Each structure stands twice: as structure tokens, then as C-alpha cells.
């Protein structure tokens, strides 16, 4: 079996990716500071370690043929807009040490998870935003902190290929959501946060919406995300590639869809003092269709149904998490 390393495997995307790769017959080593919160990992080996440390990165890459490097300090807009120093320092250490370890361990292929946060903020000032093409990233004006580190690392991947002959793949995520994702605590993304608020709201009640609700985004369901990661890794394409849907909706519309799924009437209370990020963002999918002959196809209405139902069920459970109730022992 081909040996594959997934960093950030205790997180939302990484956990789903591990399960997907195991299902396809790969031998998977999973690495993170923490175990998955809601479900036991299917990884053949799960190593808890701090990838900010050089020696940890050197150790976990040994014997690996492919590396999906997803590990990062990140979260929703409330977190990334208020933690620039922490995020930039942590992610720089993680990614720089992983790049060097990939070279030292002679990894056959290295995928880096970038973000739509690398796109110039001056191109995202209107809710009716022009879809962002991959070639719009430069001249660079990324989001502070998180986006800045991501675009820097994209260039390092280019240099890894040019100078060290390591095949690299770079994926720019556009707002991934789905079951088993963080839905409370400050690091959750907009779909999970809205599903939580609607689930907790009584019929006819009111929820808080950050900003004026007119800001727009596209959202990609997790099943499409992991399939896209696999397809990109297996392809011969080495430049950065968008991975997201091109179905752009407003936050107001997202609330309406969640309320419809819940079967509730929900009013909105706007808090314009809260961070809302760029005014509009959408993925241009022309290149991914050309390169992979595929694109994410799950609509937000279709994907939000299992997402909402899962969050609703989680909120109804006793507050003791699965991790605290003994699921850890098999992985430990």
C-alpha cells in the first residue's frame, strides 16, 4: 500500500481526508496536536505531536510517499481577524519545518492547503464580487496574518519544485463545511455558526448575524473537498488551484436556508461591530474544470441538510464530548 501522511488530521478536513484515503486502500499516518473531536480516526497510525518543532516534522515524514499538509492554526473570521501574530508565527513554523522535512525524507509528492484568503482584499469590496481566478493572486494584498502566511508558503512550494525537484500541489480552499466540523467556541465557520444559532433558536425567535448579512461567499461541502484534494494530488498540475463551488450566496440567504431546514421562522438581529471579513468572495472554477475535468457540485442547500441535522443532534446530546467519554483509547 502507498504510504501517506496527513497533517492536521485531528481537524475537520484532515479527519475526513484520512477516512477517504483509508477507504481507497492507502496506509495512512495521521498527525496532529489533538485527536478528532467527534469520531475516532481510521488512520493506521495516529501520532500526537507539535509540528511547530523541527524534529517532530522530521520524524513523521519518514517513510512517507505522499504528504497532505493540512495542519494550520486557523478558525472562523472572529478568530483569524484577532490573532494575527499567533497565527502567523505558528503557521510559519509548521509549514517551513514540514517543507524541509519533505525534502530531507525524500517525499514523492507534497500537497499544501492554501486558502482563498490569499486573494487581494481590494478585489473583494462588493457583495457582487467578480469570481476570483487563480491568476488574480498577484500583485499580492492578502488578508492579514492567515492569508499572508498562505501566499508566502505557496511561493515556497514553487521553489521546492524548482530547486529540489519535489512535485508540489497547492489547493486554495473556499469555505469548507459539513458534519463533524467545529460549531462553537469561536473557531467555527459561518455555516456551522448559523446552523448552531438556528438550532438553539425557538420557532419565531431571533438570532444574531455578524455584519449586515449582505456579505457573500461560496461554500464547499466536505465530501467534494476531500475528493478534490485526492484528484489534485494524483494530477500532474503543480500551480495553485481553487477548490470551492462557484455558487455565491449572502449570509442572509444562508440563514434562510438553515431556518427552512429547521422548519422555523427566524428573525435576524444584526451586529455590525463584529468582524465580517471581505465584502464578497466567490471561486472561479474555469481552471479546475480544465485541469481535473471535475468540480465540486454539492449545492449549499443540499449540503446544509446533513450539516444542520448533525449539529442539531450534537446540541441535543449531553455536553460530555465523545473524546472525554473513552473513544480515545483505541488510537492511544
Protein backbone atom coordinates (compact mmCIF):
# COMPACT_ATOMS: atom_id res chain seq x y z
CA UNK A 1 0.00 0.00 0.00
CA UNK A 2 1.15 3.53 -0.73
CA UNK A 3 2.11 5.36 2.48
CA UNK A 4 0.50 8.74 3.03
CA UNK A 5 0.89 11.36 5.75
CA UNK A 6 -1.99 13.69 6.62
CA UNK A 7 -1.08 16.59 8.91
CA UNK A 8 -3.87 18.36 10.74
CA UNK A 9 -5.66 15.01 10.91
CA UNK A 10 -7.39 15.90 14.17
CA UNK A 11 -9.17 18.74 12.40
CA UNK A 12 -12.31 18.78 10.30
CA UNK A 13 -10.93 18.43 6.76
CA UNK A 14 -7.97 16.30 7.81
CA UNK A 15 -10.19 13.79 9.61
CA UNK A 16 -12.48 13.37 6.60
CA UNK A 17 -9.46 13.08 4.31
CA UNK A 18 -7.93 10.31 6.43
CA UNK A 19 -11.16 8.32 6.23
CA UNK A 20 -11.37 8.86 2.48
CA UNK A 21 -7.78 7.72 1.85
CA UNK A 22 -8.12 4.65 4.06
CA UNK A 23 -11.26 3.78 2.15
CA UNK A 24 -9.25 3.91 -1.08
CA UNK A 25 -6.69 1.45 0.26
CA UNK A 26 -3.87 3.76 1.36
CA UNK A 27 -1.79 3.25 4.51
CA UNK A 28 -2.30 6.49 6.41
CA UNK A 29 -0.27 8.12 9.16
CA UNK A 30 -2.28 10.88 10.84
CA UNK A 31 -0.62 13.68 12.79
CA UNK A 32 -2.00 16.48 14.94
CA UNK A 33 -1.79 18.06 18.38
CA UNK A 34 -5.19 16.54 19.14
CA UNK A 35 -7.39 13.62 18.20
CA UNK A 36 -10.57 14.22 16.19
CA UNK A 37 -13.21 15.65 18.49
CA UNK A 38 -16.32 13.82 17.33
CA UNK A 39 -15.28 10.49 15.80
CA UNK A 40 -12.38 8.09 16.10
CA UNK A 41 -9.83 8.27 13.30
CA UNK A 42 -9.48 5.36 10.87
CA UNK A 43 -5.77 6.10 10.41
CA UNK A 44 -3.41 3.14 10.64
CA UNK A 45 -1.20 5.25 12.90
CA UNK A 46 -2.12 8.44 14.77
CA UNK A 47 0.76 10.49 16.20
CA UNK A 48 0.14 13.38 18.54
CA UNK A 49 2.96 15.90 18.24
CA UNK A 50 3.70 19.61 17.77
CA UNK A 51 4.59 20.31 14.13
CA UNK A 52 5.97 23.72 15.08
CA UNK A 53 9.04 21.71 16.15
CA UNK A 54 11.67 20.74 13.58
CA UNK A 55 12.33 17.28 15.00
CA UNK A 56 8.64 16.36 15.03
CA UNK A 57 8.31 17.16 11.33
CA UNK A 58 11.44 15.17 10.53
CA UNK A 59 10.11 12.15 12.42
CA UNK A 60 6.58 11.99 10.98
CA UNK A 61 7.68 12.30 7.33
CA UNK A 62 9.99 9.28 7.48
CA UNK A 63 8.87 6.56 5.08
CA UNK A 64 6.05 8.63 3.58
CA UNK A 65 5.48 8.67 -0.18
CA UNK A 66 2.90 11.48 -0.20
CA UNK A 67 2.16 14.29 2.25
CA UNK A 68 -1.16 16.12 2.50
CA UNK A 69 -0.11 19.10 4.60
CA UNK A 70 -3.31 20.49 6.13
CA UNK A 71 -2.04 21.40 9.61
CA UNK A 72 -2.62 25.07 10.47
CA UNK A 73 -3.71 27.36 13.27
CA UNK A 74 -6.99 28.67 11.95
CA UNK A 75 -10.69 29.23 12.53
CA UNK A 76 -13.59 31.45 11.60
CA UNK A 77 -13.41 35.18 10.92
CA UNK A 78 -13.71 36.07 14.60
CA UNK A 79 -10.53 34.12 15.37
CA UNK A 80 -8.36 34.90 12.36
CA UNK A 81 -9.10 38.62 12.47
CA UNK A 82 -7.96 38.93 16.08
CA UNK A 83 -4.95 36.60 16.30
CA UNK A 84 -2.56 37.76 13.58
CA UNK A 85 0.70 37.28 15.49
CA UNK A 86 -0.21 33.88 16.91
CA UNK A 87 -1.50 32.53 13.60
CA UNK A 88 1.38 33.87 11.52
CA UNK A 89 4.08 32.58 13.86
CA UNK A 90 2.53 29.14 14.36
CA UNK A 91 1.74 28.52 10.70
CA UNK A 92 5.13 29.75 9.51
CA UNK A 93 6.91 27.34 11.85
CA UNK A 94 4.67 24.42 10.92
CA UNK A 95 4.90 24.88 7.17
CA UNK A 96 8.59 25.77 6.95
CA UNK A 97 9.59 22.75 9.02
CA UNK A 98 7.26 20.47 7.03
CA UNK A 99 8.76 21.70 3.75
CA UNK A 100 12.29 20.95 4.93
CA UNK A 101 11.25 17.56 6.31
CA UNK A 102 9.65 16.64 2.99
CA UNK A 103 12.95 17.30 1.26
CA UNK A 104 15.05 15.51 3.88
CA UNK A 105 12.74 12.47 3.86
CA UNK A 106 12.62 12.39 0.05
CA UNK A 107 8.83 12.58 -0.06
CA UNK A 108 7.48 11.80 -3.52
CA UNK A 109 4.70 14.40 -3.59
CA UNK A 110 3.71 17.27 -1.25
CA UNK A 111 0.30 18.98 -1.15
CA UNK A 112 -0.15 22.28 0.66
CA UNK A 113 -3.56 23.55 1.74
CA UNK A 114 -3.74 27.25 0.99
CA UNK A 115 -6.80 29.48 1.18
CA UNK A 116 -8.93 31.97 -0.71
CA UNK A 117 -7.68 34.41 1.96
CA UNK A 118 -4.61 34.91 -0.26
CA UNK A 119 -6.62 36.89 -2.84
CA UNK A 120 -6.21 40.69 -2.86
CA UNK A 121 -8.69 42.29 -0.49
CA UNK A 122 -9.20 45.21 -2.89
CA UNK A 123 -10.87 42.77 -5.33
CA UNK A 124 -13.44 41.73 -2.70
CA UNK A 125 -15.08 45.02 -1.69
CA UNK A 126 -18.54 44.35 -3.18
CA UNK A 127 -21.08 41.61 -2.39
CA UNK A 128 -21.44 41.18 -6.16
CA UNK A 129 -17.77 40.19 -6.42
CA UNK A 130 -16.11 39.04 -9.63
CA UNK A 131 -15.22 35.35 -9.18
CA UNK A 132 -11.57 35.03 -8.18
CA UNK A 133 -9.29 33.41 -10.74
CA UNK A 134 -6.01 31.83 -9.73
CA UNK A 135 -4.02 34.43 -11.68
CA UNK A 136 -5.54 37.26 -9.64
CA UNK A 137 -3.40 36.49 -6.58
CA UNK A 138 -0.58 38.80 -7.67
CA UNK A 139 0.17 41.67 -7.08
CA UNK A 140 -0.46 40.42 -3.58
CA UNK A 141 -2.69 42.08 -0.99
CA UNK A 142 -3.85 39.11 1.08
CA UNK A 143 -5.82 39.11 4.32
CA UNK A 144 -3.59 39.96 7.26
CA UNK A 145 -1.91 37.14 9.15
CA UNK A 146 -3.52 33.93 7.91
CA UNK A 147 -3.67 34.93 4.25
CA UNK A 148 -0.17 36.41 4.24
CA UNK A 149 1.42 33.18 5.51
CA UNK A 150 -0.54 31.12 3.00
CA UNK A 151 0.61 33.07 -0.05
CA UNK A 152 4.19 33.02 1.20
CA UNK A 153 4.01 29.24 1.54
CA UNK A 154 2.55 28.95 -1.97
CA UNK A 155 5.77 30.51 -3.27
CA UNK A 156 7.86 28.17 -1.12
CA UNK A 157 6.08 25.22 -2.76
CA UNK A 158 7.03 26.65 -6.15
CA UNK A 159 10.65 26.92 -5.02
CA UNK A 160 10.58 23.36 -3.63
CA UNK A 161 9.74 22.12 -7.11
CA UNK A 162 12.18 24.39 -8.92
CA UNK A 163 15.16 23.91 -6.60
CA UNK A 164 14.61 20.47 -5.03
CA UNK A 165 12.57 18.69 -7.73
CA UNK A 166 9.79 17.87 -5.25
CA UNK A 167 6.41 17.71 -7.00
CA UNK A 168 4.09 20.04 -5.08
CA UNK A 169 0.36 20.66 -5.25
CA UNK A 170 -1.33 23.81 -3.89
CA UNK A 171 -5.05 23.98 -3.20
CA UNK A 172 -6.91 27.20 -2.35
CA UNK A 173 -9.88 26.26 -0.16
CA UNK A 174 -13.10 28.25 -0.37
CA UNK A 175 -15.10 27.86 2.88
CA UNK A 176 -15.49 24.16 3.65
CA UNK A 177 -18.41 22.93 5.78
CA UNK A 178 -20.16 19.71 6.75
CA UNK A 179 -20.76 17.24 9.62
CA UNK A 180 -18.02 16.66 12.22
CA UNK A 181 -16.83 20.26 11.99
CA UNK A 182 -16.35 22.75 14.83
CA UNK A 183 -19.66 24.50 15.51
CA UNK A 184 -18.97 26.52 18.68
CA UNK A 185 -16.15 28.03 20.70
CA UNK A 186 -15.00 30.84 18.38
CA UNK A 187 -13.22 28.90 15.60
CA UNK A 188 -16.32 27.75 13.72
CA UNK A 189 -17.06 28.91 10.17
CA UNK A 190 -20.24 30.71 9.11
CA UNK A 191 -22.36 27.69 8.05
CA UNK A 192 -21.71 25.87 11.33
CA UNK A 193 -22.23 29.01 13.42
CA UNK A 194 -25.54 29.77 11.71
CA UNK A 195 -26.74 26.17 11.99
CA UNK A 196 -25.94 26.26 15.72
CA UNK A 197 -27.78 29.54 16.24
CA UNK A 198 -30.84 28.37 14.31
CA UNK A 199 -30.91 25.02 16.12
CA UNK A 200 -30.85 26.77 19.51
CA UNK A 201 -33.41 29.39 18.48
CA UNK A 202 -37.10 28.77 19.25
CA UNK A 203 -39.56 28.96 16.38
CA UNK A 204 -40.33 32.65 15.88
CA UNK A 205 -37.18 33.69 17.75
CA UNK A 206 -34.21 35.81 16.76
CA UNK A 207 -30.54 35.11 16.05
CA UNK A 208 -27.53 37.40 15.88
CA UNK A 209 -25.92 37.88 12.46
CA UNK A 210 -22.47 39.44 12.18
CA UNK A 211 -22.37 42.44 9.86
CA UNK A 212 -25.44 43.32 7.81
CA UNK A 213 -25.90 39.87 6.31
CA UNK A 214 -25.32 41.12 2.76
CA UNK A 215 -21.72 39.86 2.61
CA UNK A 216 -21.37 36.98 0.15
CA UNK A 217 -19.39 33.74 -0.01
CA UNK A 218 -19.34 30.37 -1.75
CA UNK A 219 -19.37 27.25 0.42
CA UNK A 220 -18.00 23.77 -0.39
CA UNK A 221 -19.32 20.55 1.14
CA UNK A 222 -16.72 18.35 2.80
CA UNK A 223 -17.27 15.31 0.53
CA UNK A 224 -16.44 17.43 -2.52
CA UNK A 225 -13.43 18.85 -0.70
CA UNK A 226 -11.71 15.52 0.01
CA UNK A 227 -12.43 14.20 -3.47
CA UNK A 228 -10.91 17.36 -4.93
CA UNK A 229 -7.82 17.00 -2.76
CA UNK A 230 -7.29 13.45 -3.94
CA UNK A 231 -7.85 14.33 -7.59
CA UNK A 232 -5.38 17.21 -7.40
CA UNK A 233 -2.73 15.10 -5.67
CA UNK A 234 -2.97 12.47 -8.40
CA UNK A 235 -2.88 15.04 -11.21
CA UNK A 236 0.17 16.48 -12.95
CA UNK A 237 -0.83 20.08 -12.15
CA UNK A 238 1.64 21.93 -9.91
CA UNK A 239 0.35 25.54 -9.77
CA UNK A 240 -2.20 26.80 -7.22
CA UNK A 241 -5.79 25.74 -7.88
CA UNK A 242 -9.11 26.92 -6.47
CA UNK A 243 -11.15 24.26 -4.68
CA UNK A 244 -14.65 25.51 -4.00
CA UNK A 245 -18.07 25.93 -5.53
CA UNK A 246 -19.00 28.93 -7.64
CA UNK A 247 -22.47 29.15 -6.04
CA UNK A 248 -22.32 32.52 -4.28
CA UNK A 249 -24.91 33.38 -1.62
CA UNK A 250 -25.29 36.02 1.07
CA UNK A 251 -25.15 35.31 4.79
CA UNK A 252 -28.80 36.35 4.94
CA UNK A 253 -29.63 33.62 2.42
CA UNK A 254 -27.59 31.14 4.44
CA UNK A 255 -29.74 31.92 7.49
CA UNK A 256 -32.92 31.47 5.45
CA UNK A 257 -31.81 28.05 4.17
CA UNK A 258 -30.88 26.86 7.66
CA UNK A 259 -34.21 28.08 9.05
CA UNK A 260 -36.09 26.33 6.24
CA UNK A 261 -34.29 23.06 7.00
CA UNK A 262 -35.14 23.50 10.68
CA UNK A 263 -38.78 24.27 9.88
CA UNK A 264 -38.62 27.53 11.82
CA UNK A 265 -39.37 31.19 11.36
CA UNK A 266 -36.22 33.05 12.46
CA UNK A 267 -35.66 36.81 12.68
CA UNK A 268 -32.21 38.39 12.29
CA UNK A 269 -30.56 40.86 14.65
CA UNK A 270 -27.52 42.46 13.02
CA UNK A 271 -24.34 43.30 14.89
CA UNK A 272 -22.23 45.50 12.63
CA UNK A 273 -19.49 45.77 15.23
CA UNK A 274 -18.48 42.13 14.71
CA UNK A 275 -15.89 41.15 12.07
CA UNK A 276 -17.30 40.04 8.72
CA UNK A 277 -14.17 39.70 6.56
CA UNK A 278 -14.15 40.78 2.94
CA UNK A 279 -17.41 42.03 1.48
CA UNK A 280 -17.71 39.35 -1.16
CA UNK A 281 -15.80 36.25 -2.29
CA UNK A 282 -16.51 33.61 -4.90
CA UNK A 283 -14.47 30.96 -6.70
CA UNK A 284 -13.80 31.00 -10.43
CA UNK A 285 -13.88 27.31 -11.40
CA UNK A 286 -12.81 27.52 -15.03
CA UNK A 287 -9.31 26.25 -14.31
CA UNK A 288 -10.30 23.32 -12.09
CA UNK A 289 -12.75 22.16 -14.77
CA UNK A 290 -9.95 22.35 -17.32
CA UNK A 291 -7.28 20.67 -15.17
CA UNK A 292 -9.23 18.00 -13.30
CA UNK A 293 -12.26 17.66 -15.62
CA UNK A 294 -14.29 17.92 -12.41
CA UNK A 295 -15.53 20.47 -9.88
CA UNK A 296 -17.40 20.46 -6.56
CA UNK A 297 -21.11 20.05 -7.29
CA UNK A 298 -22.94 19.83 -3.94
CA UNK A 299 -25.22 22.85 -3.60
CA UNK A 300 -25.34 24.75 -0.32
CA UNK A 301 -28.99 23.76 0.11
CA UNK A 302 -28.13 20.07 -0.39
CA UNK A 303 -25.04 20.08 1.83
CA UNK A 304 -26.55 22.12 4.64
CA UNK A 305 -29.21 19.46 5.36
CA UNK A 306 -26.82 16.83 6.84
CA UNK A 307 -24.73 19.59 8.37
CA UNK A 308 -27.69 21.11 10.20
CA UNK A 309 -29.06 17.73 11.28
CA UNK A 310 -25.69 16.70 12.70
CA UNK A 311 -25.22 19.97 14.64
CA UNK A 312 -28.80 19.82 15.89
CA UNK A 313 -28.20 16.28 17.19
CA UNK A 314 -24.90 17.27 18.81
CA UNK A 315 -26.54 20.14 20.66
CA UNK A 316 -29.18 17.76 21.99
CA UNK A 317 -26.55 15.42 23.44
CA UNK A 318 -25.12 15.68 26.97
CA UNK A 319 -22.26 18.15 26.89
CA UNK A 320 -19.62 15.49 27.56
CA UNK A 321 -17.80 15.01 24.26
CA UNK A 322 -17.01 11.68 22.67
CA UNK A 323 -13.32 12.35 23.27
CA UNK A 324 -13.92 12.67 27.01
CA UNK A 325 -16.07 9.56 27.23
CA UNK A 326 -13.49 7.00 26.17
CA UNK A 327 -13.28 6.92 22.38
CA UNK A 328 -9.61 7.88 22.64
CA UNK A 329 -8.26 4.58 23.92
CA UNK A 330 -8.05 2.74 20.61
CA UNK A 331 -5.94 5.46 18.99
CA UNK A 332 -3.74 5.89 22.05
